[in-house]
Amino acid sequence: MENIRVALVHDWLTGQRGGEKVLEVLSEIFPKAPIYTLFHFSGTQIPTIEEKTIRTSFIQNLPLLKKRYRYFLPLYPMAVEHFDLQEFDLIISSSHCVAKGAIPRPDALHISYVHSPVRYAWNQYFVYFPPEKLGLFSRFIIPPLIHYLRMWDVTSSQRVDYYVANSKAVAQRINKYYRRTAEVIYPPVDIQFFQPSDQQEDYYLIVSALVPYKRIDLAIHAFNECKIPLKIVGVGPDYKKLKKEARANIQFLGTLDSSDLLAVYQKARALLIPGEEDFGINSIEAQACGVPVVAYGRGGATETVIPGKTGVFFNLLNHKSIHEALDKFQSMDFNKSAIRTHALNFSRERFKNNMRDFIKEKWENFRSLQ
């Protein structure tokens, strides 16, 4: 496939989360492929991504972009459709918002790796936009805007030839909202970097973007009551609100470099996942360090955590259910080596090989029909 002209399409480049880790490996598979993205904040990616050809949309030049990029959501569908991809034989999109809506030429193949259908338009709409918390202006603007986004999302889903989902939970959403099937290939985790340590301290850990669907608010409520130490790694629009609600036993660490992140993982008593995850790379990063997980028992966590062996679940989205899971967790013993062994199933190399084989197979099938 060396002579195939390939383009990678990614929603936006503003940080290093699960989607960016997938993009990094796709860039290794196709090192000459340019990256098309709505906007790019320079310096936020690893050097190998920053050094690639990155082509942005007109949104890149809008005022106050870094602070207000979420406000430009109504422009995202139009922006991704304005990418000129006519020179490429193969389009691979990495999508949690609009990237899968890029328009290939008729005889090109489009494979989309989906982290989730647009969360705030579908399964997490009422978490992001609870009616009782919307102001008068928002109540008139947000519902029709999201209605438009849903219609565009379903229509643009037909532009994809083959879907890959990052979990069975996401494959189910793709089937429900788009009526399309998706192959499940779990995303890459750098298990060689995330290694166990003999050091341990008495705190729980959250590693997450501070956005509504992650339900960090439930964790703060629970830990405010039990007064157990909790460290939170991550930034996001909910930072100020969450920090204001937290008591002295809860510490916000912001964004950490890789070595500091490794250290807080290694020393944690457990990783807490208080909301429904699409997959949850943080769950595997913790387990690669031999650290068990306390997670909400829906979504991607049910595919990454083995109850009683690598962690425990709580079944309801409330602080009482988290308390009960913590009590259960504290009465259990976990084998650090067994936890890490489980994490080895989600290696970066496995993802790379599975994606390469999938793309090659679909390309050969596609070309045979031309």
Protein backbone atom coordinates (compact mmCIF):
# COMPACT_ATOMS: atom_id res chain seq x y z
CA MET A 1 0.00 0.00 0.00
CA GLU A 2 3.04 2.27 -0.16
CA ASN A 3 1.89 4.10 -3.31
CA ILE A 4 -1.61 4.88 -2.08
CA ARG A 5 -2.31 8.56 -1.49
CA VAL A 6 -3.64 8.73 2.08
CA ALA A 7 -5.09 11.58 4.15
CA LEU A 8 -5.81 11.52 7.87
CA VAL A 9 -8.73 13.59 9.19
CA HIS A 10 -9.00 14.43 12.89
CA ASP A 11 -11.50 16.71 14.64
CA TRP A 12 -9.04 19.11 16.29
CA LEU A 13 -5.60 19.15 17.88
CA THR A 14 -5.72 20.92 21.24
CA GLY A 15 -4.28 18.31 23.64
CA GLN A 16 -3.18 14.72 24.04
CA ARG A 17 -6.10 12.47 24.89
CA GLY A 18 -7.25 9.10 23.60
CA GLY A 19 -8.10 10.33 20.12
CA GLU A 20 -4.66 11.84 19.66
CA LYS A 21 -3.02 8.57 20.71
CA VAL A 22 -4.94 6.82 17.94
CA LEU A 23 -3.88 9.52 15.47
CA GLU A 24 -0.23 9.06 16.46
CA VAL A 25 -0.32 5.38 15.52
CA LEU A 26 -2.22 6.03 12.30
CA SER A 27 0.52 8.53 11.44
CA GLU A 28 3.12 5.83 12.01
CA ILE A 29 1.29 3.46 9.67
CA PHE A 30 1.08 6.21 7.02
CA PRO A 31 4.05 8.50 7.70
CA LYS A 32 3.59 10.53 4.51
CA ALA A 33 -0.10 11.24 5.04
CA PRO A 34 -1.03 14.85 5.83
CA ILE A 35 -3.40 15.56 8.72
CA TYR A 36 -6.54 17.57 8.08
CA THR A 37 -8.02 19.07 11.24
CA LEU A 38 -10.43 21.90 12.03
CA PHE A 39 -7.86 23.73 14.15
CA HIS A 40 -4.49 23.10 15.72
CA PHE A 41 -2.95 24.70 18.81
CA SER A 42 0.76 24.61 18.09
CA GLY A 43 2.89 22.73 20.62
CA THR A 44 0.09 20.60 22.06
CA GLN A 45 1.11 17.37 20.29
CA ILE A 46 4.13 15.09 20.38
CA PRO A 47 6.98 16.17 18.06
CA THR A 48 6.24 13.52 15.43
CA ILE A 49 2.74 14.98 14.97
CA GLU A 50 3.85 18.62 15.16
CA GLU A 51 6.40 17.97 12.42
CA LYS A 52 3.85 16.50 10.00
CA THR A 53 1.96 18.42 7.34
CA ILE A 54 -1.10 19.74 9.19
CA ARG A 55 -3.83 21.43 7.16
CA THR A 56 -6.46 23.35 9.11
CA SER A 57 -9.85 24.82 8.23
CA PHE A 58 -11.01 28.44 8.18
CA ILE A 59 -11.85 28.06 11.87
CA GLN A 60 -8.12 28.28 12.61
CA ASN A 61 -8.25 32.01 11.86
CA LEU A 62 -11.33 32.94 13.89
CA PRO A 63 -10.84 35.37 16.82
CA LEU A 64 -10.54 34.11 20.43
CA LEU A 65 -10.25 30.54 19.15
CA LYS A 66 -8.20 29.12 22.04
CA LYS A 67 -10.65 30.29 24.69
CA ARG A 68 -13.90 30.01 22.74
CA TYR A 69 -13.53 27.19 20.21
CA ARG A 70 -16.58 25.37 21.59
CA TYR A 71 -18.72 28.38 20.63
CA PHE A 72 -17.93 27.73 16.96
CA LEU A 73 -19.61 24.30 16.98
CA PRO A 74 -22.29 25.34 14.43
CA LEU A 75 -19.49 25.91 11.90
CA TYR A 76 -17.80 22.52 12.36
CA PRO A 77 -19.85 20.54 9.79
CA MET A 78 -19.28 23.15 7.08
CA ALA A 79 -15.57 23.38 7.95
CA VAL A 80 -14.90 19.64 7.60
CA GLU A 81 -16.83 19.54 4.32
CA HIS A 82 -14.57 22.27 2.91
CA PHE A 83 -11.46 20.11 3.07
CA ASP A 84 -10.33 19.38 -0.48
CA LEU A 85 -9.53 15.66 -0.44
CA GLN A 86 -9.80 15.01 -4.17
CA GLU A 87 -6.16 13.98 -4.55
CA PHE A 88 -6.42 11.09 -2.06
CA ASP A 89 -7.27 7.44 -2.66
CA LEU A 90 -7.80 6.58 0.99
CA ILE A 91 -9.27 8.72 3.77
CA ILE A 92 -8.91 7.62 7.38
CA SER A 93 -10.81 9.75 9.86
CA SER A 94 -10.41 9.73 13.64
CA SER A 95 -13.73 11.09 14.83
CA HIS A 96 -15.66 11.99 17.97
CA CYS A 97 -17.41 14.97 16.42
CA VAL A 98 -17.39 15.82 12.70
CA ALA A 99 -14.24 14.28 11.18
CA LYS A 100 -16.16 11.35 9.75
CA GLY A 101 -18.19 13.86 7.68
CA ALA A 102 -15.28 14.72 5.39
CA ILE A 103 -16.18 14.30 1.72
CA PRO A 104 -13.98 11.90 -0.29
CA ARG A 105 -14.09 11.65 -4.05
CA PRO A 106 -16.47 8.94 -5.38
CA ASP A 107 -13.78 6.36 -6.13
CA ALA A 108 -11.88 6.82 -2.84
CA LEU A 109 -12.18 4.63 0.25
CA HIS A 110 -13.16 6.20 3.58
CA ILE A 111 -12.52 4.30 6.83
CA SER A 112 -13.57 6.03 10.06
CA TYR A 113 -12.24 5.18 13.51
CA VAL A 114 -14.99 6.46 15.82
CA HIS A 115 -14.33 7.29 19.46
CA SER A 116 -18.04 8.02 19.85
CA PRO A 117 -20.87 9.54 17.85
CA VAL A 118 -21.14 13.19 18.94
CA ARG A 119 -21.72 12.78 22.69
CA TYR A 120 -23.47 16.08 23.33
CA ALA A 121 -25.88 15.41 20.46
CA TRP A 122 -26.76 11.83 21.37
CA ASN A 123 -26.27 9.78 24.54
CA GLN A 124 -24.87 12.58 26.72
CA TYR A 125 -27.15 15.43 25.60
CA PHE A 126 -28.99 15.81 28.92
CA VAL A 127 -25.72 15.69 30.86
CA TYR A 128 -24.29 18.59 28.85
CA PHE A 129 -27.55 20.51 28.58
CA PRO A 130 -29.87 19.75 31.53
CA PRO A 131 -33.09 21.71 30.82
CA GLU A 132 -33.38 22.98 34.39
CA LYS A 133 -29.94 24.63 34.16
CA LEU A 134 -30.32 26.30 30.76
CA GLY A 135 -30.88 30.05 30.71
CA LEU A 136 -33.66 31.63 28.67
CA PHE A 137 -31.38 32.32 25.69
CA SER A 138 -29.86 28.82 25.75
CA ARG A 139 -33.29 27.19 25.85
CA PHE A 140 -34.11 28.81 22.52
CA ILE A 141 -30.73 28.31 20.86
CA ILE A 142 -29.34 24.92 21.96
CA PRO A 143 -32.22 22.51 21.09
CA PRO A 144 -32.53 23.60 17.43
CA LEU A 145 -28.74 23.73 17.08
CA ILE A 146 -28.33 20.17 18.36
CA HIS A 147 -31.30 19.05 16.26
CA TYR A 148 -29.48 20.34 13.17
CA LEU A 149 -26.25 18.64 14.28
CA ARG A 150 -28.05 15.29 14.69
CA MET A 151 -29.54 15.50 11.20
CA TRP A 152 -26.15 16.37 9.69
CA ASP A 153 -24.47 13.62 11.73
CA VAL A 154 -26.81 10.91 10.42
CA THR A 155 -26.63 12.17 6.83
CA SER A 156 -22.82 12.40 6.83
CA SER A 157 -22.52 8.90 8.34
CA GLN A 158 -23.32 7.50 4.89
CA ARG A 159 -20.08 8.96 3.49
CA VAL A 160 -18.07 6.33 5.37
CA ASP A 161 -17.38 2.98 3.73
CA TYR A 162 -16.23 1.11 6.85
CA TYR A 163 -16.46 1.94 10.54
CA VAL A 164 -14.12 0.96 13.35
CA ALA A 165 -15.25 1.55 16.94
CA ASN A 166 -13.01 1.89 19.97
CA SER A 167 -15.28 -0.37 22.06
CA LYS A 168 -18.36 -2.56 21.86
CA ALA A 169 -20.29 0.20 23.62
CA VAL A 170 -19.41 2.66 20.85
CA ALA A 171 -20.17 0.07 18.15
CA GLN A 172 -23.64 -0.24 19.68
CA ARG A 173 -24.14 3.55 19.45
CA ILE A 174 -22.99 3.53 15.81
CA ASN A 175 -25.57 0.86 15.07
CA LYS A 176 -28.32 2.69 16.99
CA TYR A 177 -27.78 6.18 15.58
CA TYR A 178 -26.32 5.50 12.13
CA ARG A 179 -27.69 1.99 11.48
CA ARG A 180 -24.20 0.89 10.48
CA THR A 181 -22.03 -1.97 11.74
CA ALA A 182 -18.55 -1.36 13.11
CA GLU A 183 -15.51 -3.52 13.74
CA VAL A 184 -14.17 -3.15 17.29
CA ILE A 185 -10.45 -2.45 17.63
CA TYR A 186 -9.45 -1.25 21.07
CA PRO A 187 -7.27 1.90 21.10
CA PRO A 188 -3.53 1.85 21.86
CA VAL A 189 -2.05 2.14 25.34
CA ASP A 190 1.69 2.61 25.94
CA ILE A 191 2.02 -0.29 28.36
CA GLN A 192 5.80 -0.19 28.06
CA PHE A 193 5.82 3.30 29.59
CA PHE A 194 3.17 2.68 32.24
CA GLN A 195 4.92 0.26 34.58
CA PRO A 196 4.22 -0.78 38.20
CA SER A 197 6.14 0.62 41.16
CA ASP A 198 6.60 -0.59 44.75
CA GLN A 199 5.57 2.83 46.07
CA GLN A 200 1.99 3.45 47.13
CA GLU A 201 0.23 6.24 48.95
CA ASP A 202 -3.25 6.47 50.44
CA TYR A 203 -5.13 8.46 47.80
CA TYR A 204 -7.54 7.77 44.97
CA LEU A 205 -6.97 9.19 41.51
CA ILE A 206 -9.02 10.61 38.65
CA VAL A 207 -7.37 11.25 35.26
CA SER A 208 -9.91 12.95 33.07
CA ALA A 209 -10.97 15.95 31.03
CA LEU A 210 -13.13 18.13 33.26
CA VAL A 211 -16.27 18.05 31.14
CA PRO A 212 -19.87 17.27 32.17
CA TYR A 213 -20.23 13.68 30.96
CA LYS A 214 -17.22 12.54 32.98
CA ARG A 215 -19.32 13.14 36.13
CA ILE A 216 -16.45 14.41 38.24
CA ASP A 217 -19.10 16.24 40.26
CA LEU A 218 -20.35 12.92 41.66
CA ALA A 219 -16.84 11.95 42.75
CA ILE A 220 -16.33 15.30 44.47
CA HIS A 221 -19.65 14.92 46.32
CA ALA A 222 -18.68 11.42 47.46
CA PHE A 223 -15.17 12.37 48.57
CA ASN A 224 -16.36 15.56 50.27
CA GLU A 225 -18.41 13.30 52.53
CA CYS A 226 -15.94 10.47 53.14
CA LYS A 227 -12.94 12.89 53.40
CA ILE A 228 -10.58 10.36 51.76
CA PRO A 229 -7.74 11.98 49.74
CA LEU A 230 -8.49 12.35 46.04
CA LYS A 231 -6.17 13.70 43.33
CA ILE A 232 -7.63 14.92 40.03
CA VAL A 233 -5.45 15.21 36.93
CA GLY A 234 -6.91 17.13 34.02
CA VAL A 235 -8.30 20.43 32.81
CA GLY A 236 -11.49 21.52 31.11
CA PRO A 237 -14.43 23.92 31.13
CA ASP A 238 -15.76 22.60 34.46
CA TYR A 239 -12.51 23.26 36.34
CA LYS A 240 -13.55 26.39 38.27
CA LYS A 241 -16.96 25.00 39.21
CA LEU A 242 -15.54 21.68 40.41
CA LYS A 243 -12.69 23.27 42.34
CA LYS A 244 -15.15 25.54 44.12
CA GLU A 245 -17.20 22.54 45.24
CA ALA A 246 -14.21 20.49 46.46
CA ARG A 247 -13.01 20.35 50.05
CA ALA A 248 -9.43 20.27 51.33
CA ASN A 249 -9.00 16.50 50.84
CA ILE A 250 -9.40 16.91 47.05
CA GLN A 251 -6.41 18.17 45.09
CA PHE A 252 -6.46 19.41 41.49
CA LEU A 253 -3.16 18.78 39.70
CA GLY A 254 -4.02 20.24 36.28
CA THR A 255 -2.05 18.93 33.29
CA LEU A 256 1.02 16.81 34.13
CA ASP A 257 3.95 15.84 31.96
CA SER A 258 4.34 12.14 31.24
CA SER A 259 6.80 11.36 34.06
CA ASP A 260 4.68 13.09 36.71
CA LEU A 261 1.55 11.39 35.41
CA LEU A 262 3.26 8.03 35.66
CA ALA A 263 4.24 8.75 39.27
CA VAL A 264 0.71 9.67 40.38
CA TYR A 265 -0.65 6.55 38.69
CA GLN A 266 1.92 4.30 40.37
CA LYS A 267 1.31 5.63 43.88
CA ALA A 268 -2.49 5.68 43.72
CA ARG A 269 -4.58 3.28 45.72
CA ALA A 270 -7.05 3.06 42.83
CA LEU A 271 -8.20 4.94 39.75
CA LEU A 272 -11.77 6.22 39.93
CA ILE A 273 -13.94 6.50 36.80
CA PRO A 274 -17.18 8.17 37.93
CA GLY A 275 -18.95 8.50 34.54
CA GLU A 276 -19.75 6.34 31.53
CA GLU A 277 -16.66 5.99 29.33
CA ASP A 278 -16.54 5.29 25.61
CA PHE A 279 -13.46 3.12 26.21
CA GLY A 280 -11.34 4.71 28.92
CA ILE A 281 -7.63 4.67 28.10
CA ASN A 282 -6.96 5.90 31.65
CA SER A 283 -8.35 2.59 32.94
CA ILE A 284 -5.71 0.61 31.04
CA GLU A 285 -2.92 3.06 31.90
CA ALA A 286 -3.70 2.54 35.59
CA GLN A 287 -3.91 -1.24 35.23
CA ALA A 288 -0.60 -1.29 33.34
CA CYS A 289 0.82 0.23 36.54
CA GLY A 290 -0.79 -2.57 38.56
CA VAL A 291 -3.39 -0.15 39.98
CA PRO A 292 -7.01 -1.37 40.28
CA VAL A 293 -10.02 0.61 39.04
CA VAL A 294 -13.28 1.68 40.67
CA ALA A 295 -15.64 2.45 37.78
CA TYR A 296 -19.23 3.04 36.78
CA GLY A 297 -20.43 -0.30 35.43
CA ARG A 298 -21.58 0.81 32.00
CA GLY A 299 -19.90 1.63 28.70
CA GLY A 300 -16.26 0.97 27.94
CA ALA A 301 -15.26 0.22 31.53
CA THR A 302 -17.14 -3.08 31.34
CA GLU A 303 -14.71 -4.10 28.58
CA THR A 304 -11.52 -3.06 30.37
CA VAL A 305 -12.14 -3.93 34.04
CA ILE A 306 -12.60 -7.46 35.38
CA PRO A 307 -14.73 -7.27 38.57
CA GLY A 308 -12.93 -8.73 41.57
CA LYS A 309 -9.67 -9.16 39.66
CA THR A 310 -8.71 -5.73 38.32
CA GLY A 311 -11.32 -3.55 40.01
CA VAL A 312 -14.92 -3.07 41.14
CA PHE A 313 -18.02 -1.46 39.64
CA PHE A 314 -20.75 0.75 41.03
CA ASN A 315 -24.12 0.53 39.34
CA LEU A 316 -25.84 3.89 39.83
CA LEU A 317 -24.75 7.40 38.89
CA ASN A 318 -24.89 8.89 42.39
CA HIS A 319 -22.50 9.53 45.24
CA LYS A 320 -24.08 6.84 47.46
CA SER A 321 -23.27 4.15 44.89
CA ILE A 322 -19.67 5.40 44.74
CA HIS A 323 -19.48 5.16 48.55
CA GLU A 324 -20.66 1.56 48.46
CA ALA A 325 -18.10 0.67 45.79
CA LEU A 326 -15.30 2.28 47.83
CA ASP A 327 -16.35 0.31 50.91
CA LYS A 328 -16.34 -2.90 48.88
CA PHE A 329 -12.99 -2.04 47.32
CA GLN A 330 -11.34 -1.41 50.69
CA SER A 331 -12.32 -4.88 51.88
CA MET A 332 -10.66 -6.59 48.89
CA ASP A 333 -7.11 -7.58 47.94
CA PHE A 334 -5.76 -7.21 44.40
CA ASN A 335 -2.75 -8.80 42.71
CA LYS A 336 -0.67 -6.09 41.02
CA SER A 337 0.95 -8.57 38.61
CA ALA A 338 -2.43 -9.99 37.52
CA ILE A 339 -3.77 -6.50 36.91
CA ARG A 340 -0.82 -5.63 34.69
CA THR A 341 -1.09 -8.92 32.79
CA HIS A 342 -4.65 -8.00 31.87
CA ALA A 343 -3.52 -4.57 30.62
CA LEU A 344 -1.06 -6.20 28.20
CA ASN A 345 -4.04 -7.13 25.99
CA PHE A 346 -4.37 -3.46 25.00
CA SER A 347 -0.85 -2.77 23.77
CA ARG A 348 0.09 -0.14 21.23
CA GLU A 349 1.63 -2.78 18.97
CA ARG A 350 -1.53 -4.88 18.96
CA PHE A 351 -3.61 -1.87 17.93
CA LYS A 352 -1.14 -0.99 15.18
CA ASN A 353 -1.15 -4.49 13.73
CA ASN A 354 -4.94 -4.83 13.92
CA MET A 355 -5.53 -1.47 12.24
CA ARG A 356 -2.97 -2.14 9.54
CA ASP A 357 -4.53 -5.54 8.76
CA PHE A 358 -8.07 -4.11 8.76
CA ILE A 359 -7.17 -1.24 6.44
CA LYS A 360 -5.27 -3.51 4.06
CA GLU A 361 -8.15 -6.00 3.88
CA LYS A 362 -10.77 -3.30 3.23
CA TRP A 363 -8.57 -1.59 0.66
CA GLU A 364 -8.10 -4.82 -1.28
CA ASN A 365 -11.84 -5.55 -1.15
CA PHE A 366 -12.67 -2.03 -2.24
CA ARG A 367 -10.26 -1.99 -5.19
CA SER A 368 -11.45 -5.41 -6.39
CA LEU A 369 -14.92 -3.92 -6.90
CA GLN A 370 -13.73 -0.94 -8.95
